[in-house]
Amino acid sequence: MSIADQVSQLFVFACEGEHDDTVDAITALRPGGIHRFPTGPIDGVWRAARRMLESADVPLVMSGDIEGGTISYPFATAVPNQMGLAACDDLDLSERIARIVARESRALGYDWSFTPVVDVNAEFRSAIVGTRSYGSDRETVLAQARTYVRALQAEGVAACAKHWPGDGFDSRDQHLVTSVNPLHMDAWRALFGKIYGTLIGDGVMTIMSAHIALPAYIRERDSLAGRDAFMPATISRLLNEDLLRGELGFQGLIVSDATGMGGLTSWMEREAAVPAVIENGCDMFLFSRNPARDIDLMMRGLRAGRLSEERLHAAVTRILSFKAALGLHRKSVEERVRPLDAMTTILRTPESQATAREAIGRGVTLTKDIDGLFPIGPAVHRRVVVIAEEGWSFFVGALERSFEPFLAELRTRGFEVRMYDPGKHPTPEDTDLVLYLVGQEATPAAYHIYLDLPKLHGGHRKGMTQYWREIPTVLISFGQPYYLFDAPTARAAINAYNALEHAQVEVVRRMVGDAPFTGVSPVDPFCGQEQARW
């Protein structure tokens, strides 16, 4: 391969959409991989995938953020996010879900999933970890992640453990700032060292190096380290080469986290950062706001000695070995992206849909019911006021959130539902039940988790009025599990972990007693506050 071809192999560029011009602009740069954010109908997604593969001389690897929850595609089976799956507390069910994800991903042309997240929910304020994690217990995280990696890779899709060297102890978001893993090394080795070391032993194919610092390790190697102790792992040779490869023995592919994130862009100017990512141990460079310019910056870095030819060749060798391990060089385009009619027979099968719904329902967790409110019914709780929080998603192509399935299910069962009117507070005379529908799934740049009562109630003064004692009230989170921190006197609370349509229906089924609450919270929903238990 020419030097230019080798440099191009280093990049995984994002493709948002399926238009020919969009696809052609990316493939013309001959990247090593394309990360797909499909947005259109399935026929357009199919055509774009074929076009990408047909354009490549060296086989492309195609990756995706296939995390579940609202980060699901409308033409694939919607499965729980990681926390919702962990709440089922059933590794057999977790494996069945992972195999659905893998089979449908392969049918869509994906070779590589940037999952599982193996971060740990130690700091409940960490909005970026939250529902993307399997919880706060090391053994739960490890058991779930091992099951997922094994199932995914058995189906021919590479797994990617993230976010090295471990997130969840800093309430800040690496999308916005270089965040810090504050553990001393004995504690780190017992937690994240154990998690990553075990997955490496199991054969996880790739690991994502993040914009997260591990100052204890840097200072273990250099006691005089100042600012560099807080260098993001993405550009830290010590964290990637010495700790991950040397101490833990990882020989697979290291991919950087998205290089447009604030955790990297705030640390170093782009001209230096682009070659530094590869020179300091990452093998692939993820995303770019200006792909052609970043390829040029990588070439300039090579000419200037900021990227050595030795590191370039080593990275490209790992990239090609990774593709060979997936068998991409032996597969035709037809094998990698099957004919459209064959593809659609694999997606959203009745069996897959039933398994996903089972998992979504079993994960619904009753975290608090002080007064024994459940089950509810229209004979006692007919007049219902709903106070709902709008949701959003960072991810292109993610499912839009609407609470209409929840409201429709209540009305079908005989409840009279009206939305909260900021000009008219509900009273015991006109309302039998108040339901708060809140909860944002963990998503980049959300930054903080909190129950915004002034916004929900339509004003700062109105936010001071609460209904817990006057009217039976339920706090229902369709996302993060930590809202009792801001509503410690809530009498009843449910965590569903995601706002998928089935989740909304399954919550209602459990509220009225048609199915039991079986979810086991993977975290402390009381956020360490004894007050919230009462």
Protein backbone atom coordinates (compact mmCIF):
# COMPACT_ATOMS: atom_id res chain seq x y z
CA MET A 1 0.00 0.00 0.00
CA SER A 2 1.15 3.53 -0.67
CA ILE A 3 1.70 5.86 2.28
CA ALA A 4 -1.42 7.79 1.25
CA ASP A 5 -3.48 4.59 1.23
CA GLN A 6 -2.12 3.61 4.63
CA VAL A 7 -3.01 7.00 6.08
CA SER A 8 -6.55 6.74 4.72
CA GLN A 9 -6.95 3.36 6.41
CA LEU A 10 -6.52 5.02 9.81
CA PHE A 11 -9.84 6.84 9.60
CA VAL A 12 -13.39 5.88 10.47
CA PHE A 13 -15.64 8.61 9.11
CA ALA A 14 -19.28 9.14 9.97
CA CYS A 15 -21.95 8.96 7.30
CA GLU A 16 -25.23 10.61 8.22
CA GLY A 17 -27.86 9.74 5.66
CA GLU A 18 -28.15 7.65 2.53
CA HIS A 19 -28.04 10.11 -0.37
CA ASP A 20 -25.59 9.17 -3.12
CA ASP A 21 -23.74 12.48 -2.82
CA THR A 22 -23.24 11.94 0.92
CA VAL A 23 -21.99 8.39 0.44
CA ASP A 24 -19.73 9.29 -2.49
CA ALA A 25 -18.12 12.19 -0.64
CA ILE A 26 -17.04 9.83 2.16
CA THR A 27 -15.99 6.85 0.05
CA ALA A 28 -13.92 9.06 -2.26
CA LEU A 29 -11.50 9.53 0.66
CA ARG A 30 -10.92 5.74 0.84
CA PRO A 31 -11.22 5.48 4.64
CA GLY A 32 -10.60 2.30 6.56
CA GLY A 33 -14.10 2.37 7.98
CA ILE A 34 -17.45 4.12 7.84
CA HIS A 35 -19.63 4.67 10.88
CA ARG A 36 -23.24 4.67 9.82
CA PHE A 37 -26.11 6.75 11.19
CA PRO A 38 -28.98 5.53 8.99
CA THR A 39 -31.89 7.92 8.78
CA GLY A 40 -34.01 6.90 5.82
CA PRO A 41 -36.27 4.03 4.78
CA ILE A 42 -34.78 0.57 4.68
CA ASP A 43 -34.37 0.49 0.90
CA GLY A 44 -32.21 3.62 1.05
CA VAL A 45 -30.15 2.18 3.88
CA TRP A 46 -29.65 -1.02 1.89
CA ARG A 47 -28.64 0.85 -1.29
CA ALA A 48 -26.20 3.11 0.60
CA ALA A 49 -24.51 0.15 2.30
CA ARG A 50 -24.02 -1.59 -1.02
CA ARG A 51 -22.68 1.57 -2.59
CA MET A 52 -20.15 2.00 0.23
CA LEU A 53 -18.81 -1.53 -0.08
CA GLU A 54 -18.69 -1.53 -3.87
CA SER A 55 -16.56 1.63 -3.82
CA ALA A 56 -13.72 0.20 -1.73
CA ASP A 57 -10.54 -1.42 -3.01
CA VAL A 58 -9.54 -2.42 0.51
CA PRO A 59 -12.62 -3.80 2.31
CA LEU A 60 -14.36 -1.24 4.50
CA VAL A 61 -15.30 -2.05 8.06
CA MET A 62 -18.73 -0.66 8.90
CA SER A 63 -19.45 0.34 12.48
CA GLY A 64 -22.41 1.61 14.47
CA ASP A 65 -23.50 2.83 17.91
CA ILE A 66 -25.86 -0.06 18.58
CA GLU A 67 -26.59 0.61 22.24
CA GLY A 68 -30.32 -0.06 22.47
CA GLY A 69 -33.04 2.12 23.96
CA THR A 70 -33.80 5.09 21.77
CA ILE A 71 -30.44 4.53 20.02
CA SER A 72 -32.28 2.00 17.90
CA TYR A 73 -33.21 2.08 14.24
CA PRO A 74 -36.88 2.19 13.23
CA PHE A 75 -36.46 -0.77 10.87
CA ALA A 76 -34.71 -2.99 13.46
CA THR A 77 -35.90 -4.59 16.69
CA ALA A 78 -35.87 -2.01 19.49
CA VAL A 79 -34.13 -3.56 22.49
CA PRO A 80 -33.48 -2.22 26.01
CA ASN A 81 -30.45 -0.10 26.75
CA GLN A 82 -27.75 -1.65 28.92
CA MET A 83 -29.19 -0.58 32.25
CA GLY A 84 -32.66 -1.77 31.31
CA LEU A 85 -31.21 -5.11 30.31
CA ALA A 86 -29.19 -5.41 33.52
CA ALA A 87 -32.41 -4.75 35.49
CA CYS A 88 -33.79 -8.03 34.12
CA ASP A 89 -31.00 -9.82 36.03
CA ASP A 90 -31.03 -12.72 33.57
CA LEU A 91 -27.88 -13.52 31.59
CA ASP A 92 -29.73 -15.96 29.33
CA LEU A 93 -32.09 -13.19 28.31
CA SER A 94 -29.14 -10.82 27.87
CA GLU A 95 -27.54 -13.30 25.49
CA ARG A 96 -30.73 -13.67 23.47
CA ILE A 97 -30.94 -9.88 23.12
CA ALA A 98 -27.27 -9.65 22.11
CA ARG A 99 -27.80 -12.27 19.39
CA ILE A 100 -30.79 -10.34 18.04
CA VAL A 101 -28.64 -7.21 17.88
CA ALA A 102 -25.81 -9.08 16.17
CA ARG A 103 -27.95 -10.85 13.57
CA GLU A 104 -29.86 -7.73 12.63
CA SER A 105 -26.66 -5.67 12.56
CA ARG A 106 -25.02 -8.14 10.21
CA ALA A 107 -28.09 -8.12 8.00
CA LEU A 108 -27.76 -4.32 7.76
CA GLY A 109 -24.10 -4.60 6.81
CA TYR A 110 -22.49 -3.80 10.15
CA ASP A 111 -19.27 -5.56 11.12
CA TRP A 112 -18.47 -3.69 14.31
CA SER A 113 -20.56 -2.45 17.22
CA PHE A 114 -19.18 0.17 19.59
CA THR A 115 -20.51 -1.79 22.54
CA PRO A 116 -20.53 -2.85 25.33
CA VAL A 117 -20.14 0.15 27.61
CA VAL A 118 -18.19 -1.14 30.63
CA ASP A 119 -18.25 2.07 32.62
CA VAL A 120 -19.46 1.87 36.23
CA ASN A 121 -22.21 4.01 37.78
CA ALA A 122 -20.22 5.18 40.79
CA GLU A 123 -21.20 8.86 40.56
CA PHE A 124 -24.94 9.12 40.09
CA ARG A 125 -24.58 12.63 38.68
CA SER A 126 -22.68 11.27 35.67
CA ALA A 127 -25.26 11.93 32.99
CA ILE A 128 -23.12 10.46 30.21
CA VAL A 129 -22.79 7.04 31.89
CA GLY A 130 -26.25 6.48 33.42
CA THR A 131 -28.45 4.17 31.37
CA ARG A 132 -25.60 3.32 28.98
CA SER A 133 -23.97 1.27 31.76
CA TYR A 134 -24.88 -2.07 33.30
CA GLY A 135 -24.89 -0.47 36.75
CA SER A 136 -22.73 0.18 39.79
CA ASP A 137 -21.65 -3.35 40.72
CA ARG A 138 -18.43 -4.68 39.19
CA GLU A 139 -19.59 -8.27 38.99
CA THR A 140 -22.84 -7.31 37.30
CA VAL A 141 -21.04 -5.12 34.76
CA LEU A 142 -18.52 -7.85 34.06
CA ALA A 143 -21.03 -10.70 33.77
CA GLN A 144 -23.27 -8.72 31.44
CA ALA A 145 -20.37 -7.47 29.32
CA ARG A 146 -18.84 -10.94 28.97
CA THR A 147 -22.18 -12.35 27.88
CA TYR A 148 -22.65 -9.58 25.36
CA VAL A 149 -19.15 -9.80 23.87
CA ARG A 150 -19.33 -13.57 23.57
CA ALA A 151 -22.72 -13.53 21.83
CA LEU A 152 -21.93 -10.62 19.53
CA GLN A 153 -18.63 -12.01 18.31
CA ALA A 154 -20.03 -15.54 17.95
CA GLU A 155 -22.44 -14.03 15.41
CA GLY A 156 -19.60 -12.40 13.46
CA VAL A 157 -19.82 -8.82 14.75
CA ALA A 158 -16.80 -7.32 16.51
CA ALA A 159 -17.42 -5.93 19.99
CA CYS A 160 -15.75 -2.82 21.40
CA ALA A 161 -15.35 -2.35 25.16
CA LYS A 162 -15.52 1.32 26.14
CA HIS A 163 -14.63 3.86 27.53
CA TRP A 164 -10.96 3.17 28.37
CA PRO A 165 -9.62 3.73 31.04
CA GLY A 166 -13.07 3.77 32.67
CA ASP A 167 -15.81 6.33 33.27
CA GLY A 168 -18.43 6.83 35.96
CA PHE A 169 -16.49 8.49 38.78
CA ASP A 170 -16.58 12.00 37.30
CA SER A 171 -19.92 13.77 36.96
CA ARG A 172 -18.62 15.64 33.92
CA ASP A 173 -18.96 14.51 30.31
CA GLN A 174 -15.93 13.86 28.11
CA HIS A 175 -17.94 15.18 25.17
CA LEU A 176 -17.56 18.59 26.80
CA VAL A 177 -14.40 18.40 28.91
CA THR A 178 -11.49 16.06 29.55
CA SER A 179 -12.95 14.03 32.40
CA VAL A 180 -10.94 12.25 35.09
CA ASN A 181 -10.89 8.76 36.53
CA PRO A 182 -9.80 9.65 40.10
CA LEU A 183 -9.10 6.14 41.40
CA HIS A 184 -5.73 5.27 42.90
CA MET A 185 -4.14 2.36 41.08
CA ASP A 186 -4.94 -0.39 43.59
CA ALA A 187 -8.63 0.51 43.32
CA TRP A 188 -8.41 0.94 39.54
CA ARG A 189 -6.79 -2.45 39.06
CA ALA A 190 -9.42 -4.10 41.25
CA LEU A 191 -12.25 -2.49 39.25
CA PHE A 192 -11.49 -1.45 35.69
CA GLY A 193 -8.32 -3.52 35.51
CA LYS A 194 -10.40 -6.58 36.38
CA ILE A 195 -13.14 -5.71 33.88
CA TYR A 196 -10.85 -4.97 30.94
CA GLY A 197 -8.41 -7.74 31.81
CA THR A 198 -11.18 -10.33 31.87
CA LEU A 199 -12.67 -9.16 28.56
CA ILE A 200 -9.21 -9.20 27.00
CA GLY A 201 -8.79 -12.76 28.18
CA ASP A 202 -12.17 -13.58 26.65
CA GLY A 203 -11.01 -12.23 23.28
CA VAL A 204 -12.77 -8.88 22.90
CA MET A 205 -11.60 -7.66 19.52
CA THR A 206 -11.46 -3.91 20.06
CA ILE A 207 -11.30 -1.31 22.83
CA MET A 208 -12.20 2.38 22.58
CA SER A 209 -9.72 4.81 24.13
CA ALA A 210 -11.56 7.82 25.50
CA HIS A 211 -10.87 11.43 26.43
CA ILE A 212 -10.56 10.41 30.07
CA ALA A 213 -7.48 10.90 32.22
CA LEU A 214 -6.06 8.47 34.77
CA PRO A 215 -3.63 10.64 36.74
CA ALA A 216 -2.74 7.94 39.28
CA TYR A 217 -1.13 5.78 36.59
CA ILE A 218 0.72 8.67 34.97
CA ARG A 219 2.11 9.69 38.38
CA GLU A 220 2.97 6.08 39.14
CA ARG A 221 5.27 6.28 36.12
CA ASP A 222 6.28 9.94 36.51
CA SER A 223 5.92 11.41 39.98
CA LEU A 224 6.66 14.90 38.67
CA ALA A 225 3.93 14.90 36.03
CA GLY A 226 2.01 18.15 36.12
CA ARG A 227 -0.58 18.94 33.48
CA ASP A 228 0.28 15.75 31.60
CA ALA A 229 -1.15 13.67 34.45
CA PHE A 230 -4.54 14.79 33.13
CA MET A 231 -3.88 13.99 29.48
CA PRO A 232 -6.80 12.16 27.84
CA ALA A 233 -6.16 8.50 27.16
CA THR A 234 -6.75 9.08 23.45
CA ILE A 235 -3.32 10.68 23.17
CA SER A 236 -1.56 9.01 26.11
CA ARG A 237 1.12 6.52 25.15
CA LEU A 238 1.40 5.46 28.78
CA LEU A 239 -2.30 4.54 29.04
CA ASN A 240 -2.60 2.91 25.63
CA GLU A 241 0.78 1.23 25.16
CA ASP A 242 2.09 0.68 28.68
CA LEU A 243 -1.09 0.01 30.65
CA LEU A 244 -3.53 -1.43 28.11
CA ARG A 245 -1.10 -3.33 25.90
CA GLY A 246 1.81 -3.86 28.29
CA GLU A 247 0.20 -4.57 31.66
CA LEU A 248 -3.15 -5.97 30.50
CA GLY A 249 -1.80 -7.67 27.39
CA PHE A 250 -4.32 -6.39 24.83
CA GLN A 251 -3.26 -7.20 21.28
CA GLY A 252 -6.45 -6.20 19.48
CA LEU A 253 -7.38 -2.94 17.81
CA ILE A 254 -7.61 0.34 19.75
CA VAL A 255 -9.98 2.92 18.29
CA SER A 256 -10.13 6.47 19.56
CA ASP A 257 -13.36 7.93 20.81
CA ALA A 258 -14.90 10.63 18.59
CA THR A 259 -12.17 13.19 17.99
CA GLY A 260 -14.52 16.16 17.75
CA MET A 261 -15.37 15.88 21.45
CA GLY A 262 -14.45 18.62 23.90
CA GLY A 263 -12.31 16.26 25.94
CA LEU A 264 -9.79 16.28 23.08
CA THR A 265 -10.41 19.59 21.31
CA SER A 266 -9.98 21.52 24.57
CA TRP A 267 -6.66 19.82 25.27
CA MET A 268 -4.73 20.25 22.04
CA GLU A 269 -5.02 22.07 18.73
CA ARG A 270 -6.21 19.94 15.82
CA GLU A 271 -2.96 19.99 13.84
CA ALA A 272 -1.12 18.36 16.72
CA ALA A 273 -3.99 16.18 17.92
CA VAL A 274 -4.61 14.34 14.64
CA PRO A 275 -1.20 12.61 14.40
CA ALA A 276 -0.93 12.36 18.21
CA VAL A 277 -3.94 10.04 18.38
CA ILE A 278 -2.17 7.42 16.24
CA GLU A 279 1.37 8.07 17.44
CA ASN A 280 0.33 7.47 21.05
CA GLY A 281 -1.32 4.12 20.61
CA CYS A 282 -4.71 4.31 18.92
CA ASP A 283 -4.90 2.35 15.67
CA MET A 284 -7.97 4.04 14.21
CA PHE A 285 -9.09 7.67 14.32
CA LEU A 286 -12.81 8.16 14.87
CA PHE A 287 -14.85 10.88 13.14
CA SER A 288 -13.99 14.25 11.71
CA ARG A 289 -15.83 17.48 11.04
CA ASN A 290 -13.58 17.99 8.02
CA PRO A 291 -12.41 14.58 6.78
CA ALA A 292 -10.22 15.76 3.90
CA ARG A 293 -8.46 18.27 6.14
CA ASP A 294 -7.79 15.66 8.84
CA ILE A 295 -6.27 13.28 6.30
CA ASP A 296 -4.04 16.15 5.22
CA LEU A 297 -3.13 16.91 8.85
CA MET A 298 -2.19 13.25 9.36
CA MET A 299 0.05 13.38 6.29
CA ARG A 300 1.64 16.61 7.50
CA GLY A 301 2.22 15.05 10.90
CA LEU A 302 3.94 12.10 9.23
CA ARG A 303 6.22 14.38 7.21
CA ALA A 304 7.03 16.49 10.28
CA GLY A 305 7.85 13.47 12.45
CA ARG A 306 4.88 13.87 14.80
CA LEU A 307 3.71 10.48 13.49
CA SER A 308 6.40 7.89 12.90
CA GLU A 309 6.32 5.47 9.99
CA GLU A 310 6.77 2.69 12.52
CA ARG A 311 3.50 3.62 14.29
CA LEU A 312 1.72 4.13 10.97
CA HIS A 313 2.71 0.66 9.75
CA ALA A 314 1.85 -0.95 13.09
CA ALA A 315 -1.59 0.66 13.16
CA VAL A 316 -2.38 -0.27 9.58
CA THR A 317 -1.20 -3.84 10.18
CA ARG A 318 -3.64 -4.10 13.09
CA ILE A 319 -6.43 -2.60 10.99
CA LEU A 320 -5.89 -5.10 8.18
CA SER A 321 -5.54 -7.95 10.66
CA PHE A 322 -8.82 -6.89 12.27
CA LYS A 323 -10.57 -6.89 8.90
CA ALA A 324 -9.05 -10.28 8.09
CA ALA A 325 -10.24 -11.69 11.43
CA LEU A 326 -13.75 -10.64 10.42
CA GLY A 327 -13.23 -12.31 7.05
CA LEU A 328 -14.01 -9.13 5.12
CA HIS A 329 -11.47 -9.94 2.40
CA ARG A 330 -13.25 -13.22 1.68
CA LYS A 331 -16.79 -11.86 1.53
CA SER A 332 -18.52 -10.48 -1.50
CA VAL A 333 -20.71 -7.40 -1.30
CA GLU A 334 -23.69 -9.72 -1.71
CA GLU A 335 -22.59 -11.72 1.34
CA ARG A 336 -22.04 -8.65 3.48
CA VAL A 337 -25.28 -6.89 2.52
CA ARG A 338 -27.83 -9.43 1.45
CA PRO A 339 -30.55 -8.71 -1.12
CA LEU A 340 -33.18 -6.36 0.22
CA ASP A 341 -35.93 -8.96 0.48
CA ALA A 342 -33.59 -11.34 2.35
CA MET A 343 -32.47 -8.53 4.65
CA THR A 344 -35.99 -7.60 5.63
CA THR A 345 -36.84 -11.19 6.60
CA ILE A 346 -34.16 -10.99 9.32
CA LEU A 347 -35.26 -7.65 10.77
CA ARG A 348 -38.01 -7.32 13.37
CA THR A 349 -39.12 -10.94 13.25
CA PRO A 350 -42.03 -11.88 15.53
CA GLU A 351 -39.64 -13.91 17.69
CA SER A 352 -37.19 -11.01 18.04
CA GLN A 353 -39.97 -8.57 18.84
CA ALA A 354 -41.37 -10.90 21.48
CA THR A 355 -37.97 -11.37 23.13
CA ALA A 356 -37.30 -7.63 23.14
CA ARG A 357 -40.70 -6.90 24.65
CA GLU A 358 -40.12 -9.56 27.32
CA ALA A 359 -36.83 -7.92 28.27
CA ILE A 360 -38.28 -4.42 28.25
CA GLY A 361 -41.12 -5.46 30.53
CA ARG A 362 -39.06 -7.54 32.92
CA GLY A 363 -36.68 -4.64 33.45
CA VAL A 364 -39.37 -2.21 34.68
CA THR A 365 -38.48 -1.54 38.32
CA LEU A 366 -40.71 -0.41 41.14
CA THR A 367 -38.29 1.55 43.31
CA LYS A 368 -40.75 3.00 45.82
CA ASP A 369 -44.38 2.51 46.90
CA ILE A 370 -44.72 3.84 50.42
CA ASP A 371 -48.52 3.77 50.53
CA GLY A 372 -49.14 0.53 48.63
CA LEU A 373 -50.66 2.46 45.73
CA PHE A 374 -50.38 -0.33 43.16
CA PRO A 375 -52.27 -1.73 41.46
CA ILE A 376 -54.27 1.25 40.31
CA GLY A 377 -57.59 1.15 38.45
CA PRO A 378 -60.19 3.52 37.00
CA ALA A 379 -62.65 2.68 39.76
CA VAL A 380 -60.44 4.57 42.23
CA HIS A 381 -58.00 6.59 40.09
CA ARG A 382 -60.12 7.50 37.08
CA ARG A 383 -59.15 11.19 36.71
CA VAL A 384 -55.45 11.32 35.82
CA VAL A 385 -53.27 14.41 35.30
CA VAL A 386 -50.05 13.85 33.37
CA ILE A 387 -47.04 16.15 33.74
CA ALA A 388 -44.61 15.23 30.99
CA GLU A 389 -41.05 16.18 30.16
CA GLU A 390 -40.00 16.50 26.54
CA GLY A 391 -37.13 14.28 25.51
CA TRP A 392 -34.46 14.50 22.85
CA SER A 393 -31.55 12.48 21.52
CA PHE A 394 -28.07 13.47 20.44
CA PHE A 395 -27.80 10.59 17.98
CA VAL A 396 -28.70 11.03 14.32
CA GLY A 397 -31.41 8.57 13.33
CA ALA A 398 -32.44 7.79 16.92
CA LEU A 399 -36.07 7.08 17.65
CA GLU A 400 -38.16 10.12 18.48
CA ARG A 401 -39.82 10.15 21.88
CA SER A 402 -43.53 10.57 22.36
CA PHE A 403 -45.62 9.59 25.37
CA GLU A 404 -48.64 8.87 23.19
CA PRO A 405 -48.35 5.05 23.64
CA PHE A 406 -48.51 5.50 27.42
CA LEU A 407 -51.47 7.88 27.27
CA ALA A 408 -53.32 5.70 24.78
CA GLU A 409 -52.86 2.62 26.97
CA LEU A 410 -54.28 4.44 29.99
CA ARG A 411 -57.30 5.67 28.03
CA THR A 412 -57.93 2.21 26.59
CA ARG A 413 -58.15 0.92 30.15
CA GLY A 414 -60.80 3.45 31.14
CA PHE A 415 -58.76 6.24 32.71
CA GLU A 416 -59.69 9.84 31.93
CA VAL A 417 -56.37 11.49 31.12
CA ARG A 418 -55.68 15.19 30.80
CA MET A 419 -52.37 16.97 30.42
CA TYR A 420 -51.22 19.33 33.14
CA ASP A 421 -52.41 22.93 32.75
CA PRO A 422 -49.91 25.42 34.28
CA GLY A 423 -52.80 27.82 34.87
CA LYS A 424 -54.82 25.35 36.91
CA HIS A 425 -53.19 23.19 39.56
CA PRO A 426 -54.73 19.74 40.05
CA THR A 427 -56.60 19.36 43.33
CA PRO A 428 -58.04 16.39 45.24
CA GLU A 429 -61.48 17.56 44.12
CA ASP A 430 -60.75 17.18 40.38
CA THR A 431 -57.83 14.72 40.25
CA ASP A 432 -57.42 11.14 41.50
CA LEU A 433 -53.86 10.54 40.31
CA VAL A 434 -50.89 12.63 39.16
CA LEU A 435 -48.25 11.02 36.94
CA TYR A 436 -44.87 12.58 36.21
CA LEU A 437 -43.44 11.20 32.97
CA VAL A 438 -39.79 12.20 32.99
CA GLY A 439 -36.37 10.83 32.24
CA GLN A 440 -33.77 11.36 29.57
CA GLU A 441 -31.67 8.36 28.60
CA ALA A 442 -27.93 8.95 28.93
CA THR A 443 -26.88 10.98 25.94
CA PRO A 444 -23.85 13.08 25.02
CA ALA A 445 -23.82 16.72 26.11
CA ALA A 446 -26.81 16.37 28.50
CA TYR A 447 -24.29 17.05 31.29
CA HIS A 448 -26.61 17.03 34.33
CA ILE A 449 -29.49 14.89 35.59
CA TYR A 450 -32.17 16.66 37.55
CA LEU A 451 -35.91 16.96 37.92
CA ASP A 452 -36.72 20.42 36.58
CA LEU A 453 -39.92 21.13 38.52
CA PRO A 454 -40.11 24.82 37.54
CA LYS A 455 -40.04 23.84 33.87
CA LEU A 456 -42.48 20.95 34.35
CA HIS A 457 -44.91 23.16 36.30
CA GLY A 458 -44.63 26.18 34.01
CA GLY A 459 -42.72 28.65 36.17
CA HIS A 460 -40.31 29.04 39.06
CA ARG A 461 -42.98 29.90 41.64
CA LYS A 462 -45.20 27.07 40.39
CA GLY A 463 -42.28 24.68 40.73
CA MET A 464 -42.49 25.08 44.49
CA THR A 465 -45.94 23.46 44.57
CA GLN A 466 -45.78 19.69 44.91
CA TYR A 467 -48.56 17.13 45.03
CA TRP A 468 -47.05 14.11 46.78
CA ARG A 469 -49.10 14.55 49.97
CA GLU A 470 -52.36 15.90 48.58
CA ILE A 471 -52.97 13.57 45.63
CA PRO A 472 -51.66 10.05 44.88
CA THR A 473 -48.65 10.75 42.67
CA VAL A 474 -46.19 8.56 40.78
CA LEU A 475 -42.78 9.60 39.48
CA ILE A 476 -42.06 7.51 36.36
CA SER A 477 -38.66 7.74 34.71
CA PHE A 478 -38.31 6.57 31.13
CA GLY A 479 -34.58 7.22 31.30
CA GLN A 480 -32.06 7.89 34.05
CA PRO A 481 -32.82 6.12 37.35
CA TYR A 482 -31.80 8.91 39.71
CA TYR A 483 -34.70 11.37 39.92
CA LEU A 484 -35.52 10.57 43.54
CA PHE A 485 -32.55 12.73 44.47
CA ASP A 486 -34.66 15.75 43.46
CA ALA A 487 -37.95 14.29 44.69
CA PRO A 488 -37.01 12.47 47.91
CA THR A 489 -40.53 12.76 49.33
CA ALA A 490 -42.18 11.12 46.34
CA ARG A 491 -44.41 8.32 47.61
CA ALA A 492 -44.21 6.11 44.51
CA ALA A 493 -41.57 5.80 41.79
CA ILE A 494 -40.91 3.56 38.80
CA ASN A 495 -37.82 3.30 36.62
CA ALA A 496 -38.31 2.00 33.08
CA TYR A 497 -34.84 3.07 31.78
CA ASN A 498 -36.06 3.88 28.25
CA ALA A 499 -39.06 5.41 26.49
CA LEU A 500 -39.54 2.78 23.79
CA GLU A 501 -43.16 2.17 22.88
CA HIS A 502 -43.17 -1.26 24.51
CA ALA A 503 -41.66 0.20 27.68
CA GLN A 504 -44.52 2.66 27.99
CA VAL A 505 -47.15 -0.03 27.52
CA GLU A 506 -45.38 -2.44 29.88
CA VAL A 507 -45.25 0.20 32.62
CA VAL A 508 -49.03 0.65 32.41
CA ARG A 509 -49.56 -3.12 32.48
CA ARG A 510 -47.61 -3.31 35.72
CA MET A 511 -49.27 -0.27 37.27
CA VAL A 512 -52.72 -1.84 36.81
CA GLY A 513 -51.59 -5.27 38.00
CA ASP A 514 -51.67 -7.18 34.72
CA ALA A 515 -48.01 -8.12 35.22
CA PRO A 516 -45.71 -8.00 38.25
CA PHE A 517 -42.86 -5.59 38.78
CA THR A 518 -39.78 -7.81 38.41
CA GLY A 519 -36.97 -5.36 37.67
CA VAL A 520 -33.94 -5.34 39.98
CA SER A 521 -32.32 -1.90 40.12
CA PRO A 522 -28.69 -2.08 38.90
CA VAL A 523 -27.92 1.09 40.88
CA ASP A 524 -28.99 2.79 44.10
CA PRO A 525 -32.11 4.71 43.00
CA PHE A 526 -32.01 6.66 46.29
CA CYS A 527 -28.62 8.16 45.35
CA GLY A 528 -27.18 7.45 48.77
CA GLN A 529 -29.82 9.62 50.43
CA GLU A 530 -31.62 7.89 53.31
CA GLN A 531 -34.25 10.65 53.11
CA ALA A 532 -35.34 9.37 49.69
CA ARG A 533 -36.26 5.96 51.11
CA TRP A 534 -39.07 7.50 53.12
